[in-house]
PDB file of N, CA and C in Angstrom:
ATOM      1  N   MET A   1      24.304  18.570 162.618  1.00  0.00           N
ATOM      2  CA  MET A   1      24.057  18.852 164.029  1.00  0.00           C
ATOM      3  C   MET A   1      25.262  19.614 164.585  1.00  0.00           C
ATOM      4  N   THR A   2      24.990  20.710 165.278  1.00  0.00           N
ATOM      5  CA  THR A   2      26.073  21.527 165.830  1.00  0.00           C
ATOM      6  C   THR A   2      26.644  20.886 167.095  1.00  0.00           C
ATOM      7  N   GLU A   3      27.796  21.370 167.500  1.00  0.00           N
ATOM      8  CA  GLU A   3      28.439  20.875 168.727  1.00  0.00           C
ATOM      9  C   GLU A   3      27.540  21.114 169.938  1.00  0.00           C
ATOM     10  N   CYS A   4      26.859  22.239 169.952  1.00  0.00           N
ATOM     11  CA  CYS A   4      25.944  22.559 171.058  1.00  0.00           C
ATOM     12  C   CYS A   4      24.798  21.548 171.115  1.00  0.00           C
ATOM     13  N   HIS A   5      24.242  21.192 169.951  1.00  0.00           N
ATOM     14  CA  HIS A   5      23.186  20.179 169.900  1.00  0.00           C
ATOM     15  C   HIS A   5      23.682  18.854 170.465  1.00  0.00           C
ATOM     16  N   LYS A   6      24.890  18.461 170.071  1.00  0.00           N
ATOM     17  CA  LYS A   6      25.448  17.190 170.541  1.00  0.00           C
ATOM     18  C   LYS A   6      25.619  17.191 172.059  1.00  0.00           C
ATOM     19  N   GLU A   7      26.112  18.300 172.597  1.00  0.00           N
ATOM     20  CA  GLU A   7      26.301  18.404 174.047  1.00  0.00           C
ATOM     21  C   GLU A   7      24.966  18.312 174.785  1.00  0.00           C
ATOM     22  N   LEU A   8      23.966  19.036 174.288  1.00  0.00           N
ATOM     23  CA  LEU A   8      22.657  19.018 174.939  1.00  0.00           C
ATOM     24  C   LEU A   8      21.963  17.667 174.782  1.00  0.00           C
ATOM     25  N   GLN A   9      22.131  17.018 173.628  1.00  0.00           N
ATOM     26  CA  GLN A   9      21.565  15.682 173.433  1.00  0.00           C
ATOM     27  C   GLN A   9      22.091  14.725 174.489  1.00  0.00           C
ATOM     28  N   GLY A  10      23.367  14.896 174.861  1.00  0.00           N
ATOM     29  CA  GLY A  10      23.975  14.044 175.876  1.00  0.00           C
ATOM     30  C   GLY A  10      23.411  14.274 177.267  1.00  0.00           C
ATOM     31  N   LEU A  11      22.696  15.380 177.460  1.00  0.00           N
ATOM     32  CA  LEU A  11      22.122  15.701 178.770  1.00  0.00           C
ATOM     33  C   LEU A  11      20.637  15.338 178.886  1.00  0.00           C
ATOM     34  N   ILE A  12      20.074  14.731 177.831  1.00  0.00           N
ATOM     35  CA  ILE A  12      18.663  14.328 177.883  1.00  0.00           C
ATOM     36  C   ILE A  12      18.447  13.410 179.093  1.00  0.00           C
ATOM     37  N   ASP A  13      17.377  13.645 179.821  1.00  0.00           N
ATOM     38  CA  ASP A  13      16.999  12.920 181.037  1.00  0.00           C
ATOM     39  C   ASP A  13      17.936  13.200 182.217  1.00  0.00           C
ATOM     40  N   SER A  14      18.732  14.259 182.114  1.00  0.00           N
ATOM     41  CA  SER A  14      19.614  14.666 183.212  1.00  0.00           C
ATOM     42  C   SER A  14      19.100  15.977 183.804  1.00  0.00           C
ATOM     43  N   PRO A  15      19.400  16.216 185.087  1.00  0.00           N
ATOM     44  CA  PRO A  15      19.026  17.506 185.679  1.00  0.00           C
ATOM     45  C   PRO A  15      19.955  18.611 185.158  1.00  0.00           C
ATOM     46  N   VAL A  16      19.366  19.741 184.807  1.00  0.00           N
ATOM     47  CA  VAL A  16      20.134  20.873 184.298  1.00  0.00           C
ATOM     48  C   VAL A  16      19.698  22.159 185.001  1.00  0.00           C
ATOM     49  N   SER A  17      20.588  23.124 184.970  1.00  0.00           N
ATOM     50  CA  SER A  17      20.284  24.469 185.442  1.00  0.00           C
ATOM     51  C   SER A  17      20.487  25.406 184.259  1.00  0.00           C
ATOM     52  N   ILE A  18      19.493  26.256 184.014  1.00  0.00           N
ATOM     53  CA  ILE A  18      19.549  27.194 182.894  1.00  0.00           C
ATOM     54  C   ILE A  18      19.453  28.610 183.437  1.00  0.00           C
ATOM     55  N   ILE A  19      20.362  29.461 182.993  1.00  0.00           N
ATOM     56  CA  ILE A  19      20.254  30.890 183.285  1.00  0.00           C
ATOM     57  C   ILE A  19      19.845  31.561 181.989  1.00  0.00           C
ATOM     58  N   THR A  20      18.748  32.296 182.057  1.00  0.00           N
ATOM     59  CA  THR A  20      18.199  32.928 180.860  1.00  0.00           C
ATOM     60  C   THR A  20      18.761  34.341 180.689  1.00  0.00           C
ATOM     61  N   ASN A  21      18.543  34.889 179.495  1.00  0.00           N
ATOM     62  CA  ASN A  21      19.019  36.244 179.201  1.00  0.00           C
ATOM     63  C   ASN A  21      18.386  37.300 180.102  1.00  0.00           C
ATOM     64  N   ASP A  22      17.204  36.995 180.648  1.00  0.00           N
ATOM     65  CA  ASP A  22      16.562  37.962 181.538  1.00  0.00           C
ATOM     66  C   ASP A  22      16.884  37.703 183.008  1.00  0.00           C
ATOM     67  N   GLY A  23      17.881  36.830 183.276  1.00  0.00           N
ATOM     68  CA  GLY A  23      18.387  36.652 184.629  1.00  0.00           C
ATOM     69  C   GLY A  23      17.689  35.602 185.463  1.00  0.00           C
ATOM     70  N   ARG A  24      16.818  34.805 184.866  1.00  0.00           N
ATOM     71  CA  ARG A  24      16.124  33.761 185.624  1.00  0.00           C
ATOM     72  C   ARG A  24      16.998  32.515 185.721  1.00  0.00           C
ATOM     73  N   ASN A  25      16.852  31.764 186.818  1.00  0.00           N
ATOM     74  CA  ASN A  25      17.567  30.499 187.019  1.00  0.00           C
ATOM     75  C   ASN A  25      16.513  29.406 187.094  1.00  0.00           C
ATOM     76  N   ILE A  26      16.465  28.561 186.065  1.00  0.00           N
ATOM     77  CA  ILE A  26      15.449  27.516 185.958  1.00  0.00           C
ATOM     78  C   ILE A  26      16.145  26.161 186.045  1.00  0.00           C
ATOM     79  N   VAL A  27      15.639  25.301 186.933  1.00  0.00           N
ATOM     80  CA  VAL A  27      16.227  23.985 187.174  1.00  0.00           C
ATOM     81  C   VAL A  27      15.182  22.921 186.860  1.00  0.00           C
ATOM     82  N   GLY A  28      15.575  21.876 186.134  1.00  0.00           N
ATOM     83  CA  GLY A  28      14.652  20.792 185.828  1.00  0.00           C
ATOM     84  C   GLY A  28      15.345  19.687 185.066  1.00  0.00           C
ATOM     85  N   THR A  29      14.583  18.683 184.683  1.00  0.00           N
ATOM     86  CA  THR A  29      15.110  17.552 183.918  1.00  0.00           C
ATOM     87  C   THR A  29      14.930  17.828 182.438  1.00  0.00           C
ATOM     88  N   LEU A  30      16.028  17.813 181.693  1.00  0.00           N
ATOM     89  CA  LEU A  30      15.979  18.057 180.253  1.00  0.00           C
ATOM     90  C   LEU A  30      15.325  16.865 179.563  1.00  0.00           C
ATOM     91  N   LYS A  31      14.211  17.110 178.873  1.00  0.00           N
ATOM     92  CA  LYS A  31      13.483  16.031 178.215  1.00  0.00           C
ATOM     93  C   LYS A  31      13.611  16.058 176.700  1.00  0.00           C
ATOM     94  N   GLY A  32      13.940  17.201 176.134  1.00  0.00           N
ATOM     95  CA  GLY A  32      14.069  17.264 174.683  1.00  0.00           C
ATOM     96  C   GLY A  32      14.503  18.633 174.210  1.00  0.00           C
ATOM     97  N   LEU A  33      14.894  18.700 172.929  1.00  0.00           N
ATOM     98  CA  LEU A  33      15.275  19.961 172.310  1.00  0.00           C
ATOM     99  C   LEU A  33      15.027  19.863 170.817  1.00  0.00           C
ATOM    100  N   ASP A  34      14.997  21.007 170.148  1.00  0.00           N
ATOM    101  CA  ASP A  34      14.793  21.018 168.709  1.00  0.00           C
ATOM    102  C   ASP A  34      15.955  21.712 168.013  1.00  0.00           C
ATOM    103  N   GLN A  35      15.833  21.904 166.700  1.00  0.00           N
ATOM    104  CA  GLN A  35      16.923  22.484 165.904  1.00  0.00           C
ATOM    105  C   GLN A  35      17.228  23.928 166.272  1.00  0.00           C
ATOM    106  N   LYS A  36      16.301  24.621 166.916  1.00  0.00           N
ATOM    107  CA  LYS A  36      16.522  26.010 167.348  1.00  0.00           C
ATOM    108  C   LYS A  36      17.036  26.081 168.786  1.00  0.00           C
ATOM    109  N   LEU A  37      17.332  24.913 169.381  1.00  0.00           N
ATOM    110  CA  LEU A  37      17.796  24.780 170.759  1.00  0.00           C
ATOM    111  C   LEU A  37      16.738  25.172 171.789  1.00  0.00           C
ATOM    112  N   ASN A  38      15.454  25.184 171.388  1.00  0.00           N
ATOM    113  CA  ASN A  38      14.387  25.306 172.373  1.00  0.00           C
ATOM    114  C   ASN A  38      14.421  24.013 173.184  1.00  0.00           C
ATOM    115  N   VAL A  39      14.303  24.118 174.504  1.00  0.00           N
ATOM    116  CA  VAL A  39      14.391  22.922 175.342  1.00  0.00           C
ATOM    117  C   VAL A  39      13.108  22.714 176.129  1.00  0.00           C
ATOM    118  N   ILE A  40      12.826  21.459 176.418  1.00  0.00           N
ATOM    119  CA  ILE A  40      11.682  21.078 177.246  1.00  0.00           C
ATOM    120  C   ILE A  40      12.232  20.559 178.562  1.00  0.00           C
ATOM    121  N   LEU A  41      11.743  21.137 179.665  1.00  0.00           N
ATOM    122  CA  LEU A  41      12.145  20.713 180.996  1.00  0.00           C
ATOM    123  C   LEU A  41      10.946  20.121 181.714  1.00  0.00           C
ATOM    124  N   GLU A  42      11.191  19.061 182.474  1.00  0.00           N
ATOM    125  CA  GLU A  42      10.139  18.404 183.241  1.00  0.00           C
ATOM    126  C   GLU A  42      10.429  18.599 184.728  1.00  0.00           C
ATOM    127  N   ASP A  43       9.374  18.644 185.532  1.00  0.00           N
ATOM    128  CA  ASP A  43       9.513  18.812 186.989  1.00  0.00           C
ATOM    129  C   ASP A  43      10.440  19.969 187.321  1.00  0.00           C
ATOM    130  N   CYS A  44      10.231  21.093 186.683  1.00  0.00           N
ATOM    131  CA  CYS A  44      11.184  22.188 186.882  1.00  0.00           C
ATOM    132  C   CYS A  44      10.634  23.268 187.808  1.00  0.00           C
ATOM    133  N   TYR A  45      11.556  24.070 188.267  1.00  0.00           N
ATOM    134  CA  TYR A  45      11.233  25.189 189.149  1.00  0.00           C
ATOM    135  C   TYR A  45      12.215  26.315 188.891  1.00  0.00           C
ATOM    136  N   GLU A  46      11.804  27.511 189.272  1.00  0.00           N
ATOM    137  CA  GLU A  46      12.666  28.685 189.153  1.00  0.00           C
ATOM    138  C   GLU A  46      13.196  29.033 190.532  1.00  0.00           C
ATOM    139  N   ARG A  47      14.480  29.298 190.602  1.00  0.00           N
ATOM    140  CA  ARG A  47      15.081  29.805 191.837  1.00  0.00           C
ATOM    141  C   ARG A  47      15.079  31.324 191.756  1.00  0.00           C
ATOM    142  N   VAL A  48      14.335  31.938 192.673  1.00  0.00           N
ATOM    143  CA  VAL A  48      14.239  33.398 192.702  1.00  0.00           C
ATOM    144  C   VAL A  48      15.109  33.890 193.849  1.00  0.00           C
ATOM    145  N   PHE A  49      16.171  34.590 193.505  1.00  0.00           N
ATOM    146  CA  PHE A  49      17.131  35.061 194.494  1.00  0.00           C
ATOM    147  C   PHE A  49      16.698  36.404 195.076  1.00  0.00           C
ATOM    148  N   SER A  50      17.005  36.589 196.368  1.00  0.00           N
ATOM    149  CA  SER A  50      16.669  37.820 197.064  1.00  0.00           C
ATOM    150  C   SER A  50      17.718  38.068 198.135  1.00  0.00           C
ATOM    151  N   LYS A  51      18.066  39.320 198.314  1.00  0.00           N
ATOM    152  CA  LYS A  51      19.021  39.660 199.366  1.00  0.00           C
ATOM    153  C   LYS A  51      18.369  39.650 200.738  1.00  0.00           C
ATOM    154  N   GLU A  52      17.051  39.835 200.797  1.00  0.00           N
ATOM    155  CA  GLU A  52      16.350  39.923 202.070  1.00  0.00           C
ATOM    156  C   GLU A  52      15.833  38.571 202.568  1.00  0.00           C
ATOM    157  N   SER A  53      15.268  37.759 201.670  1.00  0.00           N
ATOM    158  CA  SER A  53      14.548  36.575 202.147  1.00  0.00           C
ATOM    159  C   SER A  53      15.112  35.241 201.656  1.00  0.00           C
ATOM    160  N   GLY A  54      16.279  35.225 201.106  1.00  0.00           N
ATOM    161  CA  GLY A  54      16.840  33.965 200.627  1.00  0.00           C
ATOM    162  C   GLY A  54      16.264  33.569 199.283  1.00  0.00           C
ATOM    163  N   VAL A  55      16.457  32.311 198.927  1.00  0.00           N
ATOM    164  CA  VAL A  55      16.042  31.823 197.615  1.00  0.00           C
ATOM    165  C   VAL A  55      14.674  31.149 197.719  1.00  0.00           C
ATOM    166  N   GLU A  56      13.756  31.601 196.884  1.00  0.00           N
ATOM    167  CA  GLU A  56      12.429  31.000 196.808  1.00  0.00           C
ATOM    168  C   GLU A  56      12.395  30.086 195.589  1.00  0.00           C
ATOM    169  N   GLN A  57      11.800  28.904 195.726  1.00  0.00           N
ATOM    170  CA  GLN A  57      11.662  27.995 194.595  1.00  0.00           C
ATOM    171  C   GLN A  57      10.211  27.996 194.139  1.00  0.00           C
ATOM    172  N   VAL A  58       9.990  28.473 192.911  1.00  0.00           N
ATOM    173  CA  VAL A  58       8.649  28.564 192.329  1.00  0.00           C
ATOM    174  C   VAL A  58       8.467  27.390 191.373  1.00  0.00           C
ATOM    175  N   GLN A  59       7.520  26.515 191.672  1.00  0.00           N
ATOM    176  CA  GLN A  59       7.276  25.337 190.838  1.00  0.00           C
ATOM    177  C   GLN A  59       6.710  25.756 189.476  1.00  0.00           C
ATOM    178  N   LEU A  60       7.280  25.194 188.400  1.00  0.00           N
ATOM    179  CA  LEU A  60       6.829  25.486 187.041  1.00  0.00           C
ATOM    180  C   LEU A  60       6.264  24.251 186.343  1.00  0.00           C
ATOM    181  N   GLY A  61       6.658  23.058 186.782  1.00  0.00           N
ATOM    182  CA  GLY A  61       6.174  21.822 186.150  1.00  0.00           C
ATOM    183  C   GLY A  61       6.864  21.566 184.824  1.00  0.00           C
ATOM    184  N   LEU A  62       6.073  21.279 183.778  1.00  0.00           N
ATOM    185  CA  LEU A  62       6.596  21.082 182.428  1.00  0.00           C
ATOM    186  C   LEU A  62       6.778  22.458 181.803  1.00  0.00           C
ATOM    187  N   TYR A  63       7.957  22.718 181.238  1.00  0.00           N
ATOM    188  CA  TYR A  63       8.276  24.084 180.842  1.00  0.00           C
ATOM    189  C   TYR A  63       9.128  24.078 179.581  1.00  0.00           C
ATOM    190  N   ILE A  64       8.923  25.061 178.715  1.00  0.00           N
ATOM    191  CA  ILE A  64       9.733  25.230 177.510  1.00  0.00           C
ATOM    192  C   ILE A  64      10.531  26.525 177.644  1.00  0.00           C
ATOM    193  N   VAL A  65      11.829  26.429 177.358  1.00  0.00           N
ATOM    194  CA  VAL A  65      12.682  27.614 177.340  1.00  0.00           C
ATOM    195  C   VAL A  65      13.163  27.800 175.903  1.00  0.00           C
ATOM    196  N   ARG A  66      12.921  28.971 175.360  1.00  0.00           N
ATOM    197  CA  ARG A  66      13.363  29.254 173.989  1.00  0.00           C
ATOM    198  C   ARG A  66      14.880  29.289 173.918  1.00  0.00           C
ATOM    199  N   GLY A  67      15.404  28.722 172.849  1.00  0.00           N
ATOM    200  CA  GLY A  67      16.850  28.657 172.671  1.00  0.00           C
ATOM    201  C   GLY A  67      17.511  30.024 172.631  1.00  0.00           C
ATOM    202  N   ASP A  68      16.839  31.012 172.040  1.00  0.00           N
ATOM    203  CA  ASP A  68      17.440  32.339 171.957  1.00  0.00           C
ATOM    204  C   ASP A  68      17.337  33.112 173.267  1.00  0.00           C
ATOM    205  N   ASN A  69      16.733  32.508 174.293  1.00  0.00           N
ATOM    206  CA  ASN A  69      16.642  33.153 175.604  1.00  0.00           C
ATOM    207  C   ASN A  69      17.559  32.503 176.637  1.00  0.00           C
ATOM    208  N   MET A  70      18.372  31.528 176.216  1.00  0.00           N
ATOM    209  CA  MET A  70      19.266  30.854 177.156  1.00  0.00           C
ATOM    210  C   MET A  70      20.664  31.462 177.089  1.00  0.00           C
ATOM    211  N   ALA A  71      21.194  31.830 178.240  1.00  0.00           N
ATOM    212  CA  ALA A  71      22.559  32.342 178.316  1.00  0.00           C
ATOM    213  C   ALA A  71      23.524  31.224 178.686  1.00  0.00           C
ATOM    214  N   ILE A  72      23.149  30.386 179.670  1.00  0.00           N
ATOM    215  CA  ILE A  72      24.012  29.305 180.153  1.00  0.00           C
ATOM    216  C   ILE A  72      23.152  28.076 180.441  1.00  0.00           C
ATOM    217  N   VAL A  73      23.648  26.902 180.034  1.00  0.00           N
ATOM    218  CA  VAL A  73      23.020  25.629 180.378  1.00  0.00           C
ATOM    219  C   VAL A  73      24.109  24.748 180.982  1.00  0.00           C
ATOM    220  N   GLY A  74      23.820  24.177 182.136  1.00  0.00           N
ATOM    221  CA  GLY A  74      24.808  23.308 182.765  1.00  0.00           C
ATOM    222  C   GLY A  74      24.165  22.117 183.435  1.00  0.00           C
ATOM    223  N   GLU A  75      24.897  21.003 183.458  1.00  0.00           N
ATOM    224  CA  GLU A  75      24.409  19.814 184.152  1.00  0.00           C
ATOM    225  C   GLU A  75      24.456  20.080 185.649  1.00  0.00           C
ATOM    226  N   LEU A  76      23.428  19.644 186.353  1.00  0.00           N
ATOM    227  CA  LEU A  76      23.302  19.883 187.786  1.00  0.00           C
ATOM    228  C   LEU A  76      23.689  18.625 188.553  1.00  0.00           C
ATOM    229  N   ASP A  77      24.607  18.760 189.482  1.00  0.00           N
ATOM    230  CA  ASP A  77      24.980  17.651 190.364  1.00  0.00           C
ATOM    231  C   ASP A  77      23.980  17.645 191.512  1.00  0.00           C
ATOM    232  N   GLN A  78      23.028  16.719 191.471  1.00  0.00           N
ATOM    233  CA  GLN A  78      21.942  16.714 192.458  1.00  0.00           C
ATOM    234  C   GLN A  78      22.446  16.441 193.871  1.00  0.00           C
ATOM    235  N   GLU A  79      23.499  15.670 194.006  1.00  0.00           N
ATOM    236  CA  GLU A  79      24.031  15.388 195.338  1.00  0.00           C
ATOM    237  C   GLU A  79      24.573  16.661 195.983  1.00  0.00           C
ATOM    238  N   VAL A  80      25.356  17.403 195.239  1.00  0.00           N
ATOM    239  CA  VAL A  80      25.910  18.664 195.755  1.00  0.00           C
ATOM    240  C   VAL A  80      24.793  19.681 195.961  1.00  0.00           C
ATOM    241  N   ASP A  81      23.904  19.791 194.977  1.00  0.00           N
ATOM    242  CA  ASP A  81      22.806  20.755 195.059  1.00  0.00           C
ATOM    243  C   ASP A  81      21.901  20.464 196.252  1.00  0.00           C
ATOM    244  N   GLY A  82      21.690  19.199 196.547  1.00  0.00           N
ATOM    245  CA  GLY A  82      20.832  18.813 197.659  1.00  0.00           C
ATOM    246  C   GLY A  82      21.410  19.149 199.026  1.00  0.00           C
ATOM    247  N   GLN A  83      22.710  19.364 199.089  1.00  0.00           N
ATOM    248  CA  GLN A  83      23.364  19.698 200.355  1.00  0.00           C
ATOM    249  C   GLN A  83      23.303  21.188 200.671  1.00  0.00           C
ATOM    250  N   VAL A  84      22.889  21.988 199.708  1.00  0.00           N
ATOM    251  CA  VAL A  84      22.825  23.438 199.895  1.00  0.00           C
ATOM    252  C   VAL A  84      21.484  23.809 200.514  1.00  0.00           C
ATOM    253  N   ASP A  85      21.518  24.590 201.589  1.00  0.00           N
ATOM    254  CA  ASP A  85      20.284  25.121 202.180  1.00  0.00           C
ATOM    255  C   ASP A  85      19.979  26.457 201.488  1.00  0.00           C
ATOM    256  N   TRP A  86      19.196  26.375 200.408  1.00  0.00           N
ATOM    257  CA  TRP A  86      18.929  27.549 199.587  1.00  0.00           C
ATOM    258  C   TRP A  86      18.163  28.635 200.334  1.00  0.00           C
ATOM    259  N   THR A  87      17.433  28.281 201.389  1.00  0.00           N
ATOM    260  CA  THR A  87      16.674  29.294 202.132  1.00  0.00           C
ATOM    261  C   THR A  87      17.595  30.237 202.891  1.00  0.00           C
ATOM    262  N   LYS A  88      18.831  29.819 203.116  1.00  0.00           N
ATOM    263  CA  LYS A  88      19.790  30.663 203.838  1.00  0.00           C
ATOM    264  C   LYS A  88      20.718  31.438 202.920  1.00  0.00           C
ATOM    265  N   LYS A  89      20.636  31.204 201.627  1.00  0.00           N
ATOM    266  CA  LYS A  89      21.479  31.916 200.657  1.00  0.00           C
ATOM    267  C   LYS A  89      20.837  33.252 200.330  1.00  0.00           C
ATOM    268  N   ARG A  90      21.646  34.287 200.354  1.00  0.00           N
ATOM    269  CA  ARG A  90      21.183  35.643 200.039  1.00  0.00           C
ATOM    270  C   ARG A  90      21.988  36.167 198.852  1.00  0.00           C
ATOM    271  N   ALA A  91      21.302  36.712 197.872  1.00  0.00           N
ATOM    272  CA  ALA A  91      21.988  37.258 196.697  1.00  0.00           C
ATOM    273  C   ALA A  91      21.044  38.179 195.947  1.00  0.00           C
ATOM    274  N   ASP A  92      21.611  39.164 195.282  1.00  0.00           N
ATOM    275  CA  ASP A  92      20.812  40.004 194.396  1.00  0.00           C
ATOM    276  C   ASP A  92      20.387  39.186 193.186  1.00  0.00           C
ATOM    277  N   PRO A  93      19.191  39.414 192.672  1.00  0.00           N
ATOM    278  CA  PRO A  93      18.801  38.746 191.428  1.00  0.00           C
ATOM    279  C   PRO A  93      19.752  39.134 190.301  1.00  0.00           C
ATOM    280  N   LEU A  94      19.928  38.236 189.331  1.00  0.00           N
ATOM    281  CA  LEU A  94      20.763  38.559 188.183  1.00  0.00           C
ATOM    282  C   LEU A  94      20.105  39.629 187.351  1.00  0.00           C
ATOM    283  N   LYS A  95      20.908  40.460 186.730  1.00  0.00           N
ATOM    284  CA  LYS A  95      20.379  41.495 185.847  1.00  0.00           C
ATOM    285  C   LYS A  95      20.190  40.934 184.431  1.00  0.00           C
ATOM    286  N   HIS A  96      19.373  41.614 183.634  1.00  0.00           N
ATOM    287  CA  HIS A  96      19.180  41.220 182.234  1.00  0.00           C
ATOM    288  C   HIS A  96      20.487  41.349 181.486  1.00  0.00           C
ATOM    289  N   ILE A  97      20.686  40.469 180.497  1.00  0.00           N
ATOM    290  CA  ILE A  97      21.846  40.566 179.635  1.00  0.00           C
ATOM    291  C   ILE A  97      21.532  41.596 178.555  1.00  0.00           C
ATOM    292  N   VAL A  98      22.435  42.521 178.357  1.00  0.00           N
ATOM    293  CA  VAL A  98      22.251  43.563 177.346  1.00  0.00           C
ATOM    294  C   VAL A  98      23.210  43.268 176.210  1.00  0.00           C
ATOM    295  N   HIS A  99      22.667  43.132 174.987  1.00  0.00           N
ATOM    296  CA  HIS A  99      23.502  42.827 173.813  1.00  0.00           C
ATOM    297  C   HIS A  99      23.903  44.099 173.124  1.00  0.00           C
TER     298      HIS A  99
END
């Protein structure tokens, strides 16, 4: 088991935020992963950033993110995250990662 697997195993049943290679920000509860680092998220949603209208949250429900499409995975502090008024945040969407 790689160090990355061990770290992600420790986050099972915890809220996480994932930024994908195509610039998406997906938030949900990590429920499982496999040897390829594909992850299963429960009760998840995508935060869609916009400079004009703030952040929109699109409900996704149960969702799988391929391991080779993840750029960053981080544990989400729900207390801090809950204090942010995302509708008032303005930002350009992230650009695709170019390898």
